[in-house]
Amino acid sequence: MTIVSSGSRFLVAGVTLGYADEHPFVRTGARPVTITLLDSEVAARPFEVAVEVDRGTASFAYPLPERPADAFLDDPFVGWGEAPNEASSPAYTRIAAPPSATVTVKHGDEILGQARWSDIEERQVAETPRVRFALADPGRN
């Protein structure tokens, strides 16, 4: 690539080169994804889940309640809150990425599973032997 000024001075601050047949920058909003650890031993450990995206962004991972919402609503102490989930599963994060990105779930430094973002978006659920990724919303208008 050759850039030649035809007049005044200018500065090129960056050039983006992509080899995938997609836009190189994320052009969609972040989507909530639930992370379920399928390995019961790892799922019972204290919360230290991290989600990384190689070509996009992922928010901090947050623990979700252990019990489903119906169980909470049927509890005689409904409205008084519930004990926090100190375990590592389930959890959620928000992800924005191009289709070819790889989503990685870690517990500490240990990689538990990886999935392509396009697989998660297209199928709504992607599963590895140790991790289940599920979109928490059907999409946006």
C-alpha atoms as a PDB file:
ATOM      1  CA  MET A   1       0.000   0.000   0.000  1.00  0.00           C
ATOM      2  CA  THR A   2       1.326   3.425  -0.916  1.00  0.00           C
ATOM      3  CA  ILE A   3      -0.216   6.623   0.399  1.00  0.00           C
ATOM      4  CA  VAL A   4       0.806   9.871  -1.220  1.00  0.00           C
ATOM      5  CA  SER A   5      -0.300  13.320  -0.106  1.00  0.00           C
ATOM      6  CA  SER A   6      -1.872  15.447  -2.805  1.00  0.00           C
ATOM      7  CA  GLY A   7      -1.614  18.623  -0.776  1.00  0.00           C
ATOM      8  CA  SER A   8      -1.603  19.241   2.955  1.00  0.00           C
ATOM      9  CA  ARG A   9       0.046  16.980   5.518  1.00  0.00           C
ATOM     10  CA  PHE A  10      -1.943  14.181   7.112  1.00  0.00           C
ATOM     11  CA  LEU A  11      -1.482  11.309   9.522  1.00  0.00           C
ATOM     12  CA  VAL A  12      -2.602   7.693   9.132  1.00  0.00           C
ATOM     13  CA  ALA A  13      -3.472   6.501  12.633  1.00  0.00           C
ATOM     14  CA  GLY A  14      -4.126   2.878  11.748  1.00  0.00           C
ATOM     15  CA  VAL A  15      -4.956   0.354   9.074  1.00  0.00           C
ATOM     16  CA  THR A  16      -7.180  -2.671   9.618  1.00  0.00           C
ATOM     17  CA  LEU A  17      -6.630  -5.782   7.563  1.00  0.00           C
ATOM     18  CA  GLY A  18      -8.986  -8.720   7.833  1.00  0.00           C
ATOM     19  CA  TYR A  19      -8.717 -12.142   6.227  1.00  0.00           C
ATOM     20  CA  ALA A  20     -12.242 -13.274   7.120  1.00  0.00           C
ATOM     21  CA  ASP A  21     -15.249 -12.562   4.918  1.00  0.00           C
ATOM     22  CA  GLU A  22     -16.846 -10.271   7.506  1.00  0.00           C
ATOM     23  CA  HIS A  23     -16.654  -6.716   8.756  1.00  0.00           C
ATOM     24  CA  PRO A  24     -13.487  -6.406  10.903  1.00  0.00           C
ATOM     25  CA  PHE A  25     -15.224  -4.494  13.700  1.00  0.00           C
ATOM     26  CA  VAL A  26     -18.129  -5.552  15.886  1.00  0.00           C
ATOM     27  CA  ARG A  27     -21.235  -3.762  14.671  1.00  0.00           C
ATOM     28  CA  THR A  28     -23.808  -5.242  17.034  1.00  0.00           C
ATOM     29  CA  GLY A  29     -24.643  -4.709  20.677  1.00  0.00           C
ATOM     30  CA  ALA A  30     -23.466  -7.077  23.386  1.00  0.00           C
ATOM     31  CA  ARG A  31     -25.734 -10.067  24.012  1.00  0.00           C
ATOM     32  CA  PRO A  32     -26.221 -11.823  27.362  1.00  0.00           C
ATOM     33  CA  VAL A  33     -24.893 -15.381  27.467  1.00  0.00           C
ATOM     34  CA  THR A  34     -25.366 -17.876  30.296  1.00  0.00           C
ATOM     35  CA  ILE A  35     -22.438 -20.126  31.117  1.00  0.00           C
ATOM     36  CA  THR A  36     -23.120 -23.500  32.740  1.00  0.00           C
ATOM     37  CA  LEU A  37     -20.175 -25.599  33.869  1.00  0.00           C
ATOM     38  CA  LEU A  38     -20.931 -29.268  33.184  1.00  0.00           C
ATOM     39  CA  ASP A  39     -18.057 -30.600  35.295  1.00  0.00           C
ATOM     40  CA  SER A  40     -19.672 -30.781  38.759  1.00  0.00           C
ATOM     41  CA  GLU A  41     -16.312 -30.623  40.544  1.00  0.00           C
ATOM     42  CA  VAL A  42     -15.340 -27.349  38.844  1.00  0.00           C
ATOM     43  CA  ALA A  43     -18.888 -25.958  39.155  1.00  0.00           C
ATOM     44  CA  ALA A  44     -18.767 -26.390  42.948  1.00  0.00           C
ATOM     45  CA  ARG A  45     -15.493 -24.446  43.317  1.00  0.00           C
ATOM     46  CA  PRO A  46     -15.577 -20.835  44.576  1.00  0.00           C
ATOM     47  CA  PHE A  47     -16.476 -18.378  41.800  1.00  0.00           C
ATOM     48  CA  GLU A  48     -13.479 -17.574  39.606  1.00  0.00           C
ATOM     49  CA  VAL A  49     -15.019 -17.743  36.128  1.00  0.00           C
ATOM     50  CA  ALA A  50     -13.663 -15.524  33.362  1.00  0.00           C
ATOM     51  CA  VAL A  51     -14.846 -15.215  29.766  1.00  0.00           C
ATOM     52  CA  GLU A  52     -12.505 -14.032  27.010  1.00  0.00           C
ATOM     53  CA  VAL A  53     -13.181 -13.252  23.362  1.00  0.00           C
ATOM     54  CA  ASP A  54     -10.258 -13.154  20.948  1.00  0.00           C
ATOM     55  CA  ARG A  55     -11.914 -10.769  18.476  1.00  0.00           C
ATOM     56  CA  GLY A  56     -14.507  -8.874  20.472  1.00  0.00           C
ATOM     57  CA  THR A  57     -15.441  -8.075  24.042  1.00  0.00           C
ATOM     58  CA  ALA A  58     -16.923  -9.888  27.012  1.00  0.00           C
ATOM     59  CA  SER A  59     -18.056  -8.292  30.236  1.00  0.00           C
ATOM     60  CA  PHE A  60     -17.056  -9.506  33.665  1.00  0.00           C
ATOM     61  CA  ALA A  61     -18.694 -12.869  34.440  1.00  0.00           C
ATOM     62  CA  TYR A  62     -21.328 -12.731  37.182  1.00  0.00           C
ATOM     63  CA  PRO A  63     -22.760 -15.664  39.161  1.00  0.00           C
ATOM     64  CA  LEU A  64     -26.441 -16.459  38.685  1.00  0.00           C
ATOM     65  CA  PRO A  65     -28.704 -17.873  41.428  1.00  0.00           C
ATOM     66  CA  GLU A  66     -28.461 -21.634  41.861  1.00  0.00           C
ATOM     67  CA  ARG A  67     -32.223 -22.135  41.912  1.00  0.00           C
ATOM     68  CA  PRO A  68     -34.561 -21.314  39.010  1.00  0.00           C
ATOM     69  CA  ALA A  69     -36.871 -18.297  39.290  1.00  0.00           C
ATOM     70  CA  ASP A  70     -39.966 -20.484  39.899  1.00  0.00           C
ATOM     71  CA  ALA A  71     -38.343 -22.046  42.980  1.00  0.00           C
ATOM     72  CA  PHE A  72     -37.547 -18.590  44.321  1.00  0.00           C
ATOM     73  CA  LEU A  73     -41.125 -17.371  43.747  1.00  0.00           C
ATOM     74  CA  ASP A  74     -42.574 -20.442  45.494  1.00  0.00           C
ATOM     75  CA  ASP A  75     -40.361 -19.932  48.562  1.00  0.00           C
ATOM     76  CA  PRO A  76     -42.250 -18.762  51.695  1.00  0.00           C
ATOM     77  CA  PHE A  77     -39.657 -15.972  52.119  1.00  0.00           C
ATOM     78  CA  VAL A  78     -40.143 -14.607  48.603  1.00  0.00           C
ATOM     79  CA  GLY A  79     -39.272 -10.914  48.475  1.00  0.00           C
ATOM     80  CA  TRP A  80     -36.608 -11.164  51.168  1.00  0.00           C
ATOM     81  CA  GLY A  81     -33.844 -12.022  48.714  1.00  0.00           C
ATOM     82  CA  GLU A  82     -31.833 -15.178  48.563  1.00  0.00           C
ATOM     83  CA  ALA A  83     -28.363 -16.292  49.531  1.00  0.00           C
ATOM     84  CA  PRO A  84     -25.709 -15.436  46.952  1.00  0.00           C
ATOM     85  CA  ASN A  85     -24.357 -18.217  44.782  1.00  0.00           C
ATOM     86  CA  GLU A  86     -20.732 -18.694  45.853  1.00  0.00           C
ATOM     87  CA  ALA A  87     -20.177 -21.559  43.357  1.00  0.00           C
ATOM     88  CA  SER A  88     -18.876 -21.147  39.809  1.00  0.00           C
ATOM     89  CA  SER A  89     -22.005 -22.189  37.940  1.00  0.00           C
ATOM     90  CA  PRO A  90     -24.246 -20.903  36.530  1.00  0.00           C
ATOM     91  CA  ALA A  91     -22.900 -17.520  35.433  1.00  0.00           C
ATOM     92  CA  TYR A  92     -23.571 -14.924  32.779  1.00  0.00           C
ATOM     93  CA  THR A  93     -21.672 -12.401  30.709  1.00  0.00           C
ATOM     94  CA  ARG A  94     -22.394 -10.027  27.831  1.00  0.00           C
ATOM     95  CA  ILE A  95     -20.556 -10.661  24.545  1.00  0.00           C
ATOM     96  CA  ALA A  96     -20.116  -8.586  21.393  1.00  0.00           C
ATOM     97  CA  ALA A  97     -18.038 -10.218  18.668  1.00  0.00           C
ATOM     98  CA  PRO A  98     -17.828 -10.891  14.929  1.00  0.00           C
ATOM     99  CA  PRO A  99     -18.970 -14.360  13.813  1.00  0.00           C
ATOM    100  CA  SER A 100     -15.440 -15.814  13.535  1.00  0.00           C
ATOM    101  CA  ALA A 101     -14.476 -14.927  17.140  1.00  0.00           C
ATOM    102  CA  THR A 102     -13.639 -17.610  19.680  1.00  0.00           C
ATOM    103  CA  VAL A 103     -15.231 -17.430  23.134  1.00  0.00           C
ATOM    104  CA  THR A 104     -13.148 -18.998  25.915  1.00  0.00           C
ATOM    105  CA  VAL A 105     -14.336 -19.842  29.440  1.00  0.00           C
ATOM    106  CA  LYS A 106     -11.714 -20.142  32.167  1.00  0.00           C
ATOM    107  CA  HIS A 107     -11.704 -20.955  35.851  1.00  0.00           C
ATOM    108  CA  GLY A 108      -8.625 -19.203  37.149  1.00  0.00           C
ATOM    109  CA  ASP A 109      -5.917 -20.077  34.604  1.00  0.00           C
ATOM    110  CA  GLU A 110      -7.577 -23.346  33.521  1.00  0.00           C
ATOM    111  CA  ILE A 111      -9.348 -23.275  30.144  1.00  0.00           C
ATOM    112  CA  LEU A 112     -12.664 -25.111  30.481  1.00  0.00           C
ATOM    113  CA  GLY A 113     -14.065 -24.724  26.978  1.00  0.00           C
ATOM    114  CA  GLN A 114     -14.158 -22.736  23.749  1.00  0.00           C
ATOM    115  CA  ALA A 115     -16.811 -22.106  21.107  1.00  0.00           C
ATOM    116  CA  ARG A 116     -17.123 -19.990  17.976  1.00  0.00           C
ATOM    117  CA  TRP A 117     -19.403 -17.000  18.431  1.00  0.00           C
ATOM    118  CA  SER A 118     -21.247 -17.844  15.184  1.00  0.00           C
ATOM    119  CA  ASP A 119     -22.148 -21.295  16.592  1.00  0.00           C
ATOM    120  CA  ILE A 120     -23.548 -19.742  19.778  1.00  0.00           C
ATOM    121  CA  GLU A 121     -25.572 -17.147  17.847  1.00  0.00           C
ATOM    122  CA  GLU A 122     -26.920 -19.504  15.173  1.00  0.00           C
ATOM    123  CA  ARG A 123     -27.848 -22.439  17.406  1.00  0.00           C
ATOM    124  CA  GLN A 124     -28.679 -20.396  20.544  1.00  0.00           C
ATOM    125  CA  VAL A 125     -26.770 -23.094  22.502  1.00  0.00           C
ATOM    126  CA  ALA A 126     -23.243 -24.466  22.060  1.00  0.00           C
ATOM    127  CA  GLU A 127     -21.792 -27.176  24.240  1.00  0.00           C
ATOM    128  CA  THR A 128     -18.342 -28.569  24.895  1.00  0.00           C
ATOM    129  CA  PRO A 129     -17.617 -31.495  27.231  1.00  0.00           C
ATOM    130  CA  ARG A 130     -17.237 -29.101  30.195  1.00  0.00           C
ATOM    131  CA  VAL A 131     -19.188 -25.908  29.298  1.00  0.00           C
ATOM    132  CA  ARG A 132     -22.618 -24.979  27.904  1.00  0.00           C
ATOM    133  CA  PHE A 133     -23.021 -21.557  26.284  1.00  0.00           C
ATOM    134  CA  ALA A 134     -26.617 -20.331  25.832  1.00  0.00           C
ATOM    135  CA  LEU A 135     -27.939 -17.014  24.548  1.00  0.00           C
ATOM    136  CA  ALA A 136     -30.200 -15.496  27.175  1.00  0.00           C
ATOM    137  CA  ASP A 137     -32.195 -13.388  24.703  1.00  0.00           C
ATOM    138  CA  PRO A 138     -33.697 -14.161  21.296  1.00  0.00           C
ATOM    139  CA  GLY A 139     -32.147 -11.056  19.693  1.00  0.00           C
ATOM    140  CA  ARG A 140     -32.997  -7.428  19.177  1.00  0.00           C
ATOM    141  CA  ASN A 141     -35.031  -5.474  16.656  1.00  0.00           C
END
